[in-house]
Amino acid sequence: MLRLVYAAVDAALVTRHPGVGKESGLVMDTVRYGVPLIVSDHDPDLTARLRDQPWARIFTTGDPASLTKVLEGLVRRPFDLPGPGAPKALDMRSAAEQADFLTRTALALHGKEAGC
């Protein structure tokens, strides 16, 4: 179902205030599902990683004019889609690496249960 939601959007919007809350995984979802990203500058590390990405746009937290400018840009010219190198920009595992990690974790947990 989530894949259908992301397939229906032109871009995903992630906005937070600095120091409030924890990243929910939406940024990673946009990369995994190949959706352009609009994100506030609430996290300096994330902002630095995304600044030069053609599939991401950053706006100033708490500045409606900044967000409006980014949204108008999206309407005039759609952003690029995240490509195969996008996960590395966020220091994410590739899909294959994540599948391998989950498989190894599941096997390790299963081994612990079997040894009980």
PDB file of N, CA and C in Angstrom:
ATOM      1  N   MET A   1       0.817  -1.196   0.000  1.00  0.00           N
ATOM      2  CA  MET A   1       0.000   0.000   0.000  1.00  0.00           C
ATOM      3  C   MET A   1       0.866   1.267   0.000  1.00  0.00           C
ATOM      4  N   LEU A   2       1.926   1.263   0.805  1.00  0.00           N
ATOM      5  CA  LEU A   2       2.787   2.438   0.883  1.00  0.00           C
ATOM      6  C   LEU A   2       3.404   2.757  -0.477  1.00  0.00           C
ATOM      7  N   ARG A   3       3.776   1.737  -1.212  1.00  0.00           N
ATOM      8  CA  ARG A   3       4.344   1.926  -2.538  1.00  0.00           C
ATOM      9  C   ARG A   3       3.352   2.669  -3.446  1.00  0.00           C
ATOM     10  N   LEU A   4       2.075   2.371  -3.325  1.00  0.00           N
ATOM     11  CA  LEU A   4       1.052   3.047  -4.131  1.00  0.00           C
ATOM     12  C   LEU A   4       0.935   4.529  -3.762  1.00  0.00           C
ATOM     13  N   VAL A   5       1.058   4.818  -2.482  1.00  0.00           N
ATOM     14  CA  VAL A   5       1.000   6.218  -2.033  1.00  0.00           C
ATOM     15  C   VAL A   5       2.157   6.998  -2.637  1.00  0.00           C
ATOM     16  N   TYR A   6       3.360   6.459  -2.525  1.00  0.00           N
ATOM     17  CA  TYR A   6       4.528   7.149  -3.069  1.00  0.00           C
ATOM     18  C   TYR A   6       4.455   7.255  -4.591  1.00  0.00           C
ATOM     19  N   ALA A   7       3.882   6.276  -5.248  1.00  0.00           N
ATOM     20  CA  ALA A   7       3.770   6.313  -6.708  1.00  0.00           C
ATOM     21  C   ALA A   7       2.835   7.428  -7.167  1.00  0.00           C
ATOM     22  N   ALA A   8       1.940   7.856  -6.294  1.00  0.00           N
ATOM     23  CA  ALA A   8       0.940   8.854  -6.678  1.00  0.00           C
ATOM     24  C   ALA A   8       1.385  10.295  -6.442  1.00  0.00           C
ATOM     25  N   VAL A   9       2.544  10.495  -5.852  1.00  0.00           N
ATOM     26  CA  VAL A   9       2.958  11.853  -5.499  1.00  0.00           C
ATOM     27  C   VAL A   9       4.029  12.392  -6.442  1.00  0.00           C
ATOM     28  N   ASP A  10       4.100  13.717  -6.530  1.00  0.00           N
ATOM     29  CA  ASP A  10       5.153  14.380  -7.302  1.00  0.00           C
ATOM     30  C   ASP A  10       6.423  14.543  -6.478  1.00  0.00           C
ATOM     31  N   ALA A  11       6.263  14.645  -5.167  1.00  0.00           N
ATOM     32  CA  ALA A  11       7.389  14.775  -4.244  1.00  0.00           C
ATOM     33  C   ALA A  11       6.867  14.542  -2.831  1.00  0.00           C
ATOM     34  N   ALA A  12       7.772  14.184  -1.945  1.00  0.00           N
ATOM     35  CA  ALA A  12       7.428  14.034  -0.532  1.00  0.00           C
ATOM     36  C   ALA A  12       7.956  15.249   0.223  1.00  0.00           C
ATOM     37  N   LEU A  13       7.214  15.682   1.220  1.00  0.00           N
ATOM     38  CA  LEU A  13       7.575  16.843   2.026  1.00  0.00           C
ATOM     39  C   LEU A  13       7.881  16.395   3.451  1.00  0.00           C
ATOM     40  N   VAL A  14       9.082  16.719   3.923  1.00  0.00           N
ATOM     41  CA  VAL A  14       9.478  16.421   5.296  1.00  0.00           C
ATOM     42  C   VAL A  14       9.871  17.743   5.935  1.00  0.00           C
ATOM     43  N   THR A  15       9.174  18.092   7.009  1.00  0.00           N
ATOM     44  CA  THR A  15       9.461  19.353   7.689  1.00  0.00           C
ATOM     45  C   THR A  15       9.452  19.148   9.190  1.00  0.00           C
ATOM     46  N   ARG A  16      10.435  19.715   9.833  1.00  0.00           N
ATOM     47  CA  ARG A  16      10.570  19.629  11.282  1.00  0.00           C
ATOM     48  C   ARG A  16      11.176  20.947  11.773  1.00  0.00           C
ATOM     49  N   HIS A  17      11.089  21.161  13.068  1.00  0.00           N
ATOM     50  CA  HIS A  17      11.814  22.263  13.700  1.00  0.00           C
ATOM     51  C   HIS A  17      13.120  21.687  14.238  1.00  0.00           C
ATOM     52  N   PRO A  18      14.198  22.452  14.215  1.00  0.00           N
ATOM     53  CA  PRO A  18      15.475  21.957  14.723  1.00  0.00           C
ATOM     54  C   PRO A  18      15.355  21.442  16.152  1.00  0.00           C
ATOM     55  N   GLY A  19      15.899  20.252  16.392  1.00  0.00           N
ATOM     56  CA  GLY A  19      15.917  19.680  17.727  1.00  0.00           C
ATOM     57  C   GLY A  19      14.611  19.106  18.218  1.00  0.00           C
ATOM     58  N   VAL A  20      13.559  19.126  17.388  1.00  0.00           N
ATOM     59  CA  VAL A  20      12.255  18.614  17.802  1.00  0.00           C
ATOM     60  C   VAL A  20      11.976  17.314  17.067  1.00  0.00           C
ATOM     61  N   GLY A  21      11.809  16.255  17.799  1.00  0.00           N
ATOM     62  CA  GLY A  21      11.467  14.976  17.205  1.00  0.00           C
ATOM     63  C   GLY A  21      12.655  14.308  16.543  1.00  0.00           C
ATOM     64  N   LYS A  22      12.410  13.103  16.099  1.00  0.00           N
ATOM     65  CA  LYS A  22      13.429  12.290  15.458  1.00  0.00           C
ATOM     66  C   LYS A  22      12.968  11.965  14.048  1.00  0.00           C
ATOM     67  N   GLU A  23      13.910  11.839  13.142  1.00  0.00           N
ATOM     68  CA  GLU A  23      13.556  11.523  11.754  1.00  0.00           C
ATOM     69  C   GLU A  23      12.742  10.238  11.727  1.00  0.00           C
ATOM     70  N   SER A  24      11.652  10.239  10.991  1.00  0.00           N
ATOM     71  CA  SER A  24      10.721   9.117  11.017  1.00  0.00           C
ATOM     72  C   SER A  24      11.007   8.058   9.959  1.00  0.00           C
ATOM     73  N   GLY A  25      11.953   8.303   9.099  1.00  0.00           N
ATOM     74  CA  GLY A  25      12.213   7.347   8.028  1.00  0.00           C
ATOM     75  C   GLY A  25      11.639   7.788   6.698  1.00  0.00           C
ATOM     76  N   LEU A  26      10.911   8.895   6.688  1.00  0.00           N
ATOM     77  CA  LEU A  26      10.328   9.373   5.432  1.00  0.00           C
ATOM     78  C   LEU A  26      11.398   9.717   4.398  1.00  0.00           C
ATOM     79  N   VAL A  27      12.497  10.273   4.850  1.00  0.00           N
ATOM     80  CA  VAL A  27      13.573  10.628   3.923  1.00  0.00           C
ATOM     81  C   VAL A  27      14.094   9.366   3.247  1.00  0.00           C
ATOM     82  N   MET A  28      14.309   8.329   4.024  1.00  0.00           N
ATOM     83  CA  MET A  28      14.793   7.070   3.440  1.00  0.00           C
ATOM     84  C   MET A  28      13.746   6.441   2.532  1.00  0.00           C
ATOM     85  N   ASP A  29      12.484   6.533   2.909  1.00  0.00           N
ATOM     86  CA  ASP A  29      11.421   6.002   2.049  1.00  0.00           C
ATOM     87  C   ASP A  29      11.426   6.663   0.677  1.00  0.00           C
ATOM     88  N   THR A  30      11.645   7.968   0.645  1.00  0.00           N
ATOM     89  CA  THR A  30      11.621   8.642  -0.653  1.00  0.00           C
ATOM     90  C   THR A  30      12.714   8.101  -1.567  1.00  0.00           C
ATOM     91  N   VAL A  31      13.866   7.817  -0.996  1.00  0.00           N
ATOM     92  CA  VAL A  31      14.966   7.254  -1.788  1.00  0.00           C
ATOM     93  C   VAL A  31      14.608   5.848  -2.242  1.00  0.00           C
ATOM     94  N   ARG A  32      14.118   5.032  -1.325  1.00  0.00           N
ATOM     95  CA  ARG A  32      13.782   3.646  -1.668  1.00  0.00           C
ATOM     96  C   ARG A  32      12.684   3.563  -2.724  1.00  0.00           C
ATOM     97  N   TYR A  33      11.710   4.456  -2.646  1.00  0.00           N
ATOM     98  CA  TYR A  33      10.598   4.418  -3.587  1.00  0.00           C
ATOM     99  C   TYR A  33      10.795   5.333  -4.794  1.00  0.00           C
ATOM    100  N   GLY A  34      11.933   5.984  -4.882  1.00  0.00           N
ATOM    101  CA  GLY A  34      12.248   6.793  -6.050  1.00  0.00           C
ATOM    102  C   GLY A  34      11.402   8.045  -6.185  1.00  0.00           C
ATOM    103  N   VAL A  35      11.180   8.733  -5.068  1.00  0.00           N
ATOM    104  CA  VAL A  35      10.336   9.930  -5.051  1.00  0.00           C
ATOM    105  C   VAL A  35      11.198  11.147  -4.732  1.00  0.00           C
ATOM    106  N   PRO A  36      11.051  12.235  -5.485  1.00  0.00           N
ATOM    107  CA  PRO A  36      11.764  13.466  -5.149  1.00  0.00           C
ATOM    108  C   PRO A  36      11.402  13.937  -3.741  1.00  0.00           C
ATOM    109  N   LEU A  37      12.305  14.687  -3.126  1.00  0.00           N
ATOM    110  CA  LEU A  37      12.157  15.077  -1.735  1.00  0.00           C
ATOM    111  C   LEU A  37      12.242  16.581  -1.575  1.00  0.00           C
ATOM    112  N   ILE A  38      11.341  17.113  -0.767  1.00  0.00           N
ATOM    113  CA  ILE A  38      11.392  18.495  -0.312  1.00  0.00           C
ATOM    114  C   ILE A  38      11.553  18.409   1.204  1.00  0.00           C
ATOM    115  N   VAL A  39      12.607  19.038   1.730  1.00  0.00           N
ATOM    116  CA  VAL A  39      12.901  18.883   3.152  1.00  0.00           C
ATOM    117  C   VAL A  39      13.312  20.223   3.757  1.00  0.00           C
ATOM    118  N   SER A  40      12.901  20.428   5.009  1.00  0.00           N
ATOM    119  CA  SER A  40      13.313  21.635   5.718  1.00  0.00           C
ATOM    120  C   SER A  40      14.772  21.502   6.137  1.00  0.00           C
ATOM    121  N   ASP A  41      15.375  22.624   6.454  1.00  0.00           N
ATOM    122  CA  ASP A  41      16.783  22.639   6.858  1.00  0.00           C
ATOM    123  C   ASP A  41      16.957  22.426   8.364  1.00  0.00           C
ATOM    124  N   HIS A  42      16.088  21.619   8.953  1.00  0.00           N
ATOM    125  CA  HIS A  42      16.088  21.387  10.395  1.00  0.00           C
ATOM    126  C   HIS A  42      17.279  20.590  10.899  1.00  0.00           C
ATOM    127  N   ASP A  43      17.913  19.835  10.018  1.00  0.00           N
ATOM    128  CA  ASP A  43      19.030  18.974  10.409  1.00  0.00           C
ATOM    129  C   ASP A  43      20.237  19.334   9.545  1.00  0.00           C
ATOM    130  N   PRO A  44      21.248  19.988  10.118  1.00  0.00           N
ATOM    131  CA  PRO A  44      22.389  20.441   9.321  1.00  0.00           C
ATOM    132  C   PRO A  44      23.105  19.314   8.569  1.00  0.00           C
ATOM    133  N   ASP A  45      23.232  18.133   9.175  1.00  0.00           N
ATOM    134  CA  ASP A  45      23.889  17.015   8.509  1.00  0.00           C
ATOM    135  C   ASP A  45      23.077  16.562   7.293  1.00  0.00           C
ATOM    136  N   LEU A  46      21.775  16.416   7.478  1.00  0.00           N
ATOM    137  CA  LEU A  46      20.905  16.008   6.372  1.00  0.00           C
ATOM    138  C   LEU A  46      20.924  17.062   5.262  1.00  0.00           C
ATOM    139  N   THR A  47      20.860  18.322   5.654  1.00  0.00           N
ATOM    140  CA  THR A  47      20.907  19.415   4.679  1.00  0.00           C
ATOM    141  C   THR A  47      22.191  19.343   3.858  1.00  0.00           C
ATOM    142  N   ALA A  48      23.308  19.109   4.509  1.00  0.00           N
ATOM    143  CA  ALA A  48      24.590  19.019   3.797  1.00  0.00           C
ATOM    144  C   ALA A  48      24.599  17.850   2.822  1.00  0.00           C
ATOM    145  N   ARG A  49      24.030  16.725   3.211  1.00  0.00           N
ATOM    146  CA  ARG A  49      23.997  15.543   2.340  1.00  0.00           C
ATOM    147  C   ARG A  49      23.091  15.754   1.124  1.00  0.00           C
ATOM    148  N   LEU A  50      22.036  16.524   1.299  1.00  0.00           N
ATOM    149  CA  LEU A  50      21.048  16.681   0.228  1.00  0.00           C
ATOM    150  C   LEU A  50      21.274  17.900  -0.661  1.00  0.00           C
ATOM    151  N   ARG A  51      22.078  18.835  -0.219  1.00  0.00           N
ATOM    152  CA  ARG A  51      22.208  20.126  -0.897  1.00  0.00           C
ATOM    153  C   ARG A  51      22.440  20.022  -2.406  1.00  0.00           C
ATOM    154  N   ASP A  52      23.272  19.141  -2.869  1.00  0.00           N
ATOM    155  CA  ASP A  52      23.601  19.052  -4.296  1.00  0.00           C
ATOM    156  C   ASP A  52      22.896  17.908  -5.023  1.00  0.00           C
ATOM    157  N   GLN A  53      21.902  17.318  -4.374  1.00  0.00           N
ATOM    158  CA  GLN A  53      21.195  16.204  -5.013  1.00  0.00           C
ATOM    159  C   GLN A  53      20.101  16.751  -5.940  1.00  0.00           C
ATOM    160  N   PRO A  54      20.062  16.306  -7.205  1.00  0.00           N
ATOM    161  CA  PRO A  54      19.076  16.826  -8.149  1.00  0.00           C
ATOM    162  C   PRO A  54      17.644  16.389  -7.849  1.00  0.00           C
ATOM    163  N   TRP A  55      17.468  15.449  -6.965  1.00  0.00           N
ATOM    164  CA  TRP A  55      16.143  14.932  -6.612  1.00  0.00           C
ATOM    165  C   TRP A  55      15.632  15.499  -5.283  1.00  0.00           C
ATOM    166  N   ALA A  56      16.403  16.417  -4.692  1.00  0.00           N
ATOM    167  CA  ALA A  56      16.013  16.991  -3.399  1.00  0.00           C
ATOM    168  C   ALA A  56      16.076  18.507  -3.439  1.00  0.00           C
ATOM    169  N   ARG A  57      15.149  19.143  -2.725  1.00  0.00           N
ATOM    170  CA  ARG A  57      15.155  20.589  -2.558  1.00  0.00           C
ATOM    171  C   ARG A  57      15.000  20.885  -1.075  1.00  0.00           C
ATOM    172  N   ILE A  58      15.679  21.913  -0.628  1.00  0.00           N
ATOM    173  CA  ILE A  58      15.685  22.279   0.784  1.00  0.00           C
ATOM    174  C   ILE A  58      15.048  23.660   0.933  1.00  0.00           C
ATOM    175  N   PHE A  59      14.224  23.805   1.965  1.00  0.00           N
ATOM    176  CA  PHE A  59      13.658  25.119   2.261  1.00  0.00           C
ATOM    177  C   PHE A  59      13.980  25.474   3.710  1.00  0.00           C
ATOM    178  N   THR A  60      13.896  26.744   4.014  1.00  0.00           N
ATOM    179  CA  THR A  60      14.211  27.245   5.339  1.00  0.00           C
ATOM    180  C   THR A  60      13.059  26.971   6.304  1.00  0.00           C
ATOM    181  N   THR A  61      13.378  26.319   7.408  1.00  0.00           N
ATOM    182  CA  THR A  61      12.368  26.007   8.426  1.00  0.00           C
ATOM    183  C   THR A  61      11.687  27.286   8.907  1.00  0.00           C
ATOM    184  N   GLY A  62      10.357  27.248   8.961  1.00  0.00           N
ATOM    185  CA  GLY A  62       9.601  28.389   9.475  1.00  0.00           C
ATOM    186  C   GLY A  62       9.460  29.548   8.508  1.00  0.00           C
ATOM    187  N   ASP A  63       9.852  29.351   7.250  1.00  0.00           N
ATOM    188  CA  ASP A  63       9.789  30.430   6.250  1.00  0.00           C
ATOM    189  C   ASP A  63       8.841  30.014   5.117  1.00  0.00           C
ATOM    190  N   PRO A  64       7.571  30.429   5.198  1.00  0.00           N
ATOM    191  CA  PRO A  64       6.604  30.036   4.180  1.00  0.00           C
ATOM    192  C   PRO A  64       7.008  30.448   2.764  1.00  0.00           C
ATOM    193  N   ALA A  65       7.674  31.579   2.628  1.00  0.00           N
ATOM    194  CA  ALA A  65       8.095  32.034   1.296  1.00  0.00           C
ATOM    195  C   ALA A  65       9.128  31.080   0.694  1.00  0.00           C
ATOM    196  N   SER A  66       9.998  30.557   1.525  1.00  0.00           N
ATOM    197  CA  SER A  66      11.009  29.602   1.060  1.00  0.00           C
ATOM    198  C   SER A  66      10.345  28.315   0.576  1.00  0.00           C
ATOM    199  N   LEU A  67       9.378  27.816   1.341  1.00  0.00           N
ATOM    200  CA  LEU A  67       8.646  26.615   0.929  1.00  0.00           C
ATOM    201  C   LEU A  67       7.851  26.881  -0.339  1.00  0.00           C
ATOM    202  N   THR A  68       7.218  28.025  -0.426  1.00  0.00           N
ATOM    203  CA  THR A  68       6.449  28.382  -1.621  1.00  0.00           C
ATOM    204  C   THR A  68       7.331  28.385  -2.856  1.00  0.00           C
ATOM    205  N   LYS A  69       8.515  28.934  -2.749  1.00  0.00           N
ATOM    206  CA  LYS A  69       9.446  28.975  -3.880  1.00  0.00           C
ATOM    207  C   LYS A  69       9.803  27.569  -4.351  1.00  0.00           C
ATOM    208  N   VAL A  70      10.062  26.666  -3.410  1.00  0.00           N
ATOM    209  CA  VAL A  70      10.390  25.282  -3.772  1.00  0.00           C
ATOM    210  C   VAL A  70       9.197  24.605  -4.442  1.00  0.00           C
ATOM    211  N   LEU A  71       8.000  24.799  -3.893  1.00  0.00           N
ATOM    212  CA  LEU A  71       6.807  24.180  -4.483  1.00  0.00           C
ATOM    213  C   LEU A  71       6.517  24.727  -5.878  1.00  0.00           C
ATOM    214  N   GLU A  72       6.699  26.022  -6.064  1.00  0.00           N
ATOM    215  CA  GLU A  72       6.517  26.607  -7.391  1.00  0.00           C
ATOM    216  C   GLU A  72       7.526  26.029  -8.381  1.00  0.00           C
ATOM    217  N   GLY A  73       8.751  25.801  -7.913  1.00  0.00           N
ATOM    218  CA  GLY A  73       9.763  25.176  -8.759  1.00  0.00           C
ATOM    219  C   GLY A  73       9.372  23.776  -9.171  1.00  0.00           C
ATOM    220  N   LEU A  74       8.765  23.031  -8.269  1.00  0.00           N
ATOM    221  CA  LEU A  74       8.298  21.678  -8.571  1.00  0.00           C
ATOM    222  C   LEU A  74       7.224  21.703  -9.649  1.00  0.00           C
ATOM    223  N   VAL A  75       6.327  22.675  -9.581  1.00  0.00           N
ATOM    224  CA  VAL A  75       5.258  22.793 -10.573  1.00  0.00           C
ATOM    225  C   VAL A  75       5.827  23.156 -11.946  1.00  0.00           C
ATOM    226  N   ARG A  76       6.771  24.075 -11.965  1.00  0.00           N
ATOM    227  CA  ARG A  76       7.347  24.534 -13.241  1.00  0.00           C
ATOM    228  C   ARG A  76       8.224  23.486 -13.905  1.00  0.00           C
ATOM    229  N   ARG A  77       8.993  22.794 -13.089  1.00  0.00           N
ATOM    230  CA  ARG A  77       9.897  21.778 -13.635  1.00  0.00           C
ATOM    231  C   ARG A  77      10.074  20.668 -12.595  1.00  0.00           C
ATOM    232  N   PRO A  78       9.456  19.512 -12.841  1.00  0.00           N
ATOM    233  CA  PRO A  78       9.567  18.414 -11.872  1.00  0.00           C
ATOM    234  C   PRO A  78      11.026  18.064 -11.577  1.00  0.00           C
ATOM    235  N   PHE A  79      11.271  17.671 -10.360  1.00  0.00           N
ATOM    236  CA  PHE A  79      12.618  17.303  -9.934  1.00  0.00           C
ATOM    237  C   PHE A  79      12.995  15.956 -10.541  1.00  0.00           C
ATOM    238  N   ASP A  80      14.297  15.712 -10.602  1.00  0.00           N
ATOM    239  CA  ASP A  80      14.783  14.397 -10.997  1.00  0.00           C
ATOM    240  C   ASP A  80      14.340  13.371  -9.957  1.00  0.00           C
ATOM    241  N   LEU A  81      14.337  12.108 -10.361  1.00  0.00           N
ATOM    242  CA  LEU A  81      14.035  11.025  -9.436  1.00  0.00           C
ATOM    243  C   LEU A  81      15.343  10.538  -8.806  1.00  0.00           C
ATOM    244  N   PRO A  82      15.281  10.076  -7.577  1.00  0.00           N
ATOM    245  CA  PRO A  82      16.490   9.510  -6.976  1.00  0.00           C
ATOM    246  C   PRO A  82      16.949   8.294  -7.787  1.00  0.00           C
ATOM    247  N   GLY A  83      18.208   8.248  -8.120  1.00  0.00           N
ATOM    248  CA  GLY A  83      18.751   7.137  -8.890  1.00  0.00           C
ATOM    249  C   GLY A  83      19.407   6.108  -7.996  1.00  0.00           C
ATOM    250  N   PRO A  84      20.101   5.159  -8.598  1.00  0.00           N
ATOM    251  CA  PRO A  84      20.732   4.080  -7.832  1.00  0.00           C
ATOM    252  C   PRO A  84      21.779   4.573  -6.827  1.00  0.00           C
ATOM    253  N   GLY A  85      22.391   5.711  -7.073  1.00  0.00           N
ATOM    254  CA  GLY A  85      23.389   6.235  -6.147  1.00  0.00           C
ATOM    255  C   GLY A  85      22.804   7.022  -4.988  1.00  0.00           C
ATOM    256  N   ALA A  86      21.509   7.279  -5.006  1.00  0.00           N
ATOM    257  CA  ALA A  86      20.879   8.095  -3.964  1.00  0.00           C
ATOM    258  C   ALA A  86      21.050   7.535  -2.552  1.00  0.00           C
ATOM    259  N   PRO A  87      20.933   6.233  -2.341  1.00  0.00           N
ATOM    260  CA  PRO A  87      21.115   5.734  -0.963  1.00  0.00           C
ATOM    261  C   PRO A  87      22.477   6.090  -0.375  1.00  0.00           C
ATOM    262  N   LYS A  88      23.505   6.108  -1.195  1.00  0.00           N
ATOM    263  CA  LYS A  88      24.838   6.436  -0.689  1.00  0.00           C
ATOM    264  C   LYS A  88      24.913   7.886  -0.214  1.00  0.00           C
ATOM    265  N   ALA A  89      24.139   8.777  -0.836  1.00  0.00           N
ATOM    266  CA  ALA A  89      24.128  10.179  -0.419  1.00  0.00           C
ATOM    267  C   ALA A  89      23.643  10.326   1.022  1.00  0.00           C
ATOM    268  N   LEU A  90      22.799   9.394   1.445  1.00  0.00           N
ATOM    269  CA  LEU A  90      22.256   9.419   2.803  1.00  0.00           C
ATOM    270  C   LEU A  90      22.907   8.385   3.701  1.00  0.00           C
ATOM    271  N   ASP A  91      23.973   7.762   3.208  1.00  0.00           N
ATOM    272  CA  ASP A  91      24.671   6.723   3.946  1.00  0.00           C
ATOM    273  C   ASP A  91      23.731   5.572   4.299  1.00  0.00           C
ATOM    274  N   MET A  92      22.854   5.234   3.357  1.00  0.00           N
ATOM    275  CA  MET A  92      21.911   4.132   3.524  1.00  0.00           C
ATOM    276  C   MET A  92      22.477   2.868   2.895  1.00  0.00           C
ATOM    277  N   ARG A  93      21.988   1.744   3.351  1.00  0.00           N
ATOM    278  CA  ARG A  93      22.300   0.485   2.685  1.00  0.00           C
ATOM    279  C   ARG A  93      21.505   0.423   1.379  1.00  0.00           C
ATOM    280  N   SER A  94      22.078  -0.229   0.377  1.00  0.00           N
ATOM    281  CA  SER A  94      21.323  -0.481  -0.849  1.00  0.00           C
ATOM    282  C   SER A  94      20.248  -1.515  -0.515  1.00  0.00           C
ATOM    283  N   ALA A  95      19.316  -1.726  -1.426  1.00  0.00           N
ATOM    284  CA  ALA A  95      18.259  -2.717  -1.203  1.00  0.00           C
ATOM    285  C   ALA A  95      18.863  -4.098  -0.978  1.00  0.00           C
ATOM    286  N   ALA A  96      19.882  -4.454  -1.758  1.00  0.00           N
ATOM    287  CA  ALA A  96      20.521  -5.761  -1.601  1.00  0.00           C
ATOM    288  C   ALA A  96      21.224  -5.866  -0.249  1.00  0.00           C
ATOM    289  N   GLU A  97      21.907  -4.792   0.152  1.00  0.00           N
ATOM    290  CA  GLU A  97      22.590  -4.797   1.451  1.00  0.00           C
ATOM    291  C   GLU A  97      21.591  -4.900   2.600  1.00  0.00           C
ATOM    292  N   GLN A  98      20.471  -4.207   2.486  1.00  0.00           N
ATOM    293  CA  GLN A  98      19.446  -4.256   3.535  1.00  0.00           C
ATOM    294  C   GLN A  98      18.828  -5.646   3.607  1.00  0.00           C
ATOM    295  N   ALA A  99      18.546  -6.260   2.453  1.00  0.00           N
ATOM    296  CA  ALA A  99      17.990  -7.612   2.436  1.00  0.00           C
ATOM    297  C   ALA A  99      18.966  -8.597   3.078  1.00  0.00           C
ATOM    298  N   ASP A 100      20.249  -8.453   2.758  1.00  0.00           N
ATOM    299  CA  ASP A 100      21.264  -9.321   3.356  1.00  0.00           C
ATOM    300  C   ASP A 100      21.323  -9.133   4.870  1.00  0.00           C
ATOM    301  N   PHE A 101      21.311  -7.883   5.317  1.00  0.00           N
ATOM    302  CA  PHE A 101      21.334  -7.591   6.751  1.00  0.00           C
ATOM    303  C   PHE A 101      20.132  -8.209   7.458  1.00  0.00           C
ATOM    304  N   LEU A 102      18.938  -8.045   6.898  1.00  0.00           N
ATOM    305  CA  LEU A 102      17.729  -8.584   7.523  1.00  0.00           C
ATOM    306  C   LEU A 102      17.745 -10.108   7.541  1.00  0.00           C
ATOM    307  N   THR A 103      18.241 -10.709   6.467  1.00  0.00           N
ATOM    308  CA  THR A 103      18.335 -12.170   6.409  1.00  0.00           C
ATOM    309  C   THR A 103      19.286 -12.691   7.482  1.00  0.00           C
ATOM    310  N   ARG A 104      20.474 -12.080   7.585  1.00  0.00           N
ATOM    311  CA  ARG A 104      21.443 -12.504   8.593  1.00  0.00           C
ATOM    312  C   ARG A 104      20.891 -12.313  10.006  1.00  0.00           C
ATOM    313  N   THR A 105      20.187 -11.204  10.224  1.00  0.00           N
ATOM    314  CA  THR A 105      19.606 -10.939  11.541  1.00  0.00           C
ATOM    315  C   THR A 105      18.546 -11.975  11.882  1.00  0.00           C
ATOM    316  N   ALA A 106      17.668 -12.274  10.923  1.00  0.00           N
ATOM    317  CA  ALA A 106      16.619 -13.266  11.143  1.00  0.00           C
ATOM    318  C   ALA A 106      17.218 -14.650  11.427  1.00  0.00           C
ATOM    319  N   LEU A 107      18.252 -15.016  10.683  1.00  0.00           N
ATOM    320  CA  LEU A 107      18.898 -16.306  10.894  1.00  0.00           C
ATOM    321  C   LEU A 107      19.571 -16.363  12.264  1.00  0.00           C
ATOM    322  N   ALA A 108      20.174 -15.273  12.661  1.00  0.00           N
ATOM    323  CA  ALA A 108      20.811 -15.230  13.983  1.00  0.00           C
ATOM    324  C   ALA A 108      19.769 -15.358  15.093  1.00  0.00           C
ATOM    325  N   LEU A 109      18.653 -14.659  14.946  1.00  0.00           N
ATOM    326  CA  LEU A 109      17.583 -14.753  15.950  1.00  0.00           C
ATOM    327  C   LEU A 109      16.985 -16.137  15.976  1.00  0.00           C
ATOM    328  N   HIS A 110      16.802 -16.730  14.811  1.00  0.00           N
ATOM    329  CA  HIS A 110      16.234 -18.083  14.739  1.00  0.00           C
ATOM    330  C   HIS A 110      17.181 -19.072  15.413  1.00  0.00           C
ATOM    331  N   GLY A 111      18.490 -18.902  15.205  1.00  0.00           N
ATOM    332  CA  GLY A 111      19.473 -19.773  15.837  1.00  0.00           C
ATOM    333  C   GLY A 111      19.436 -19.659  17.356  1.00  0.00           C
ATOM    334  N   LYS A 112      19.214 -18.454  17.859  1.00  0.00           N
ATOM    335  CA  LYS A 112      19.134 -18.254  19.304  1.00  0.00           C
ATOM    336  C   LYS A 112      17.901 -18.938  19.877  1.00  0.00           C
ATOM    337  N   GLU A 113      16.773 -18.845  19.149  1.00  0.00           N
ATOM    338  CA  GLU A 113      15.550 -19.473  19.593  1.00  0.00           C
ATOM    339  C   GLU A 113      15.677 -20.994  19.587  1.00  0.00           C
ATOM    340  N   ALA A 114      16.343 -21.530  18.541  1.00  0.00           N
ATOM    341  CA  ALA A 114      16.495 -22.972  18.428  1.00  0.00           C
ATOM    342  C   ALA A 114      17.398 -23.514  19.527  1.00  0.00           C
ATOM    343  N   GLY A 115      18.341 -22.679  19.998  1.00  0.00           N
ATOM    344  CA  GLY A 115      19.270 -23.112  21.033  1.00  0.00           C
ATOM    345  C   GLY A 115      18.721 -23.018  22.441  1.00  0.00           C
ATOM    346  N   CYS A 116      17.526 -22.474  22.592  1.00  0.00           N
ATOM    347  CA  CYS A 116      16.959 -22.289  23.942  1.00  0.00           C
ATOM    348  C   CYS A 116      16.581 -23.586  24.576  1.00  0.00           C
TER     349      CYS A 116
END
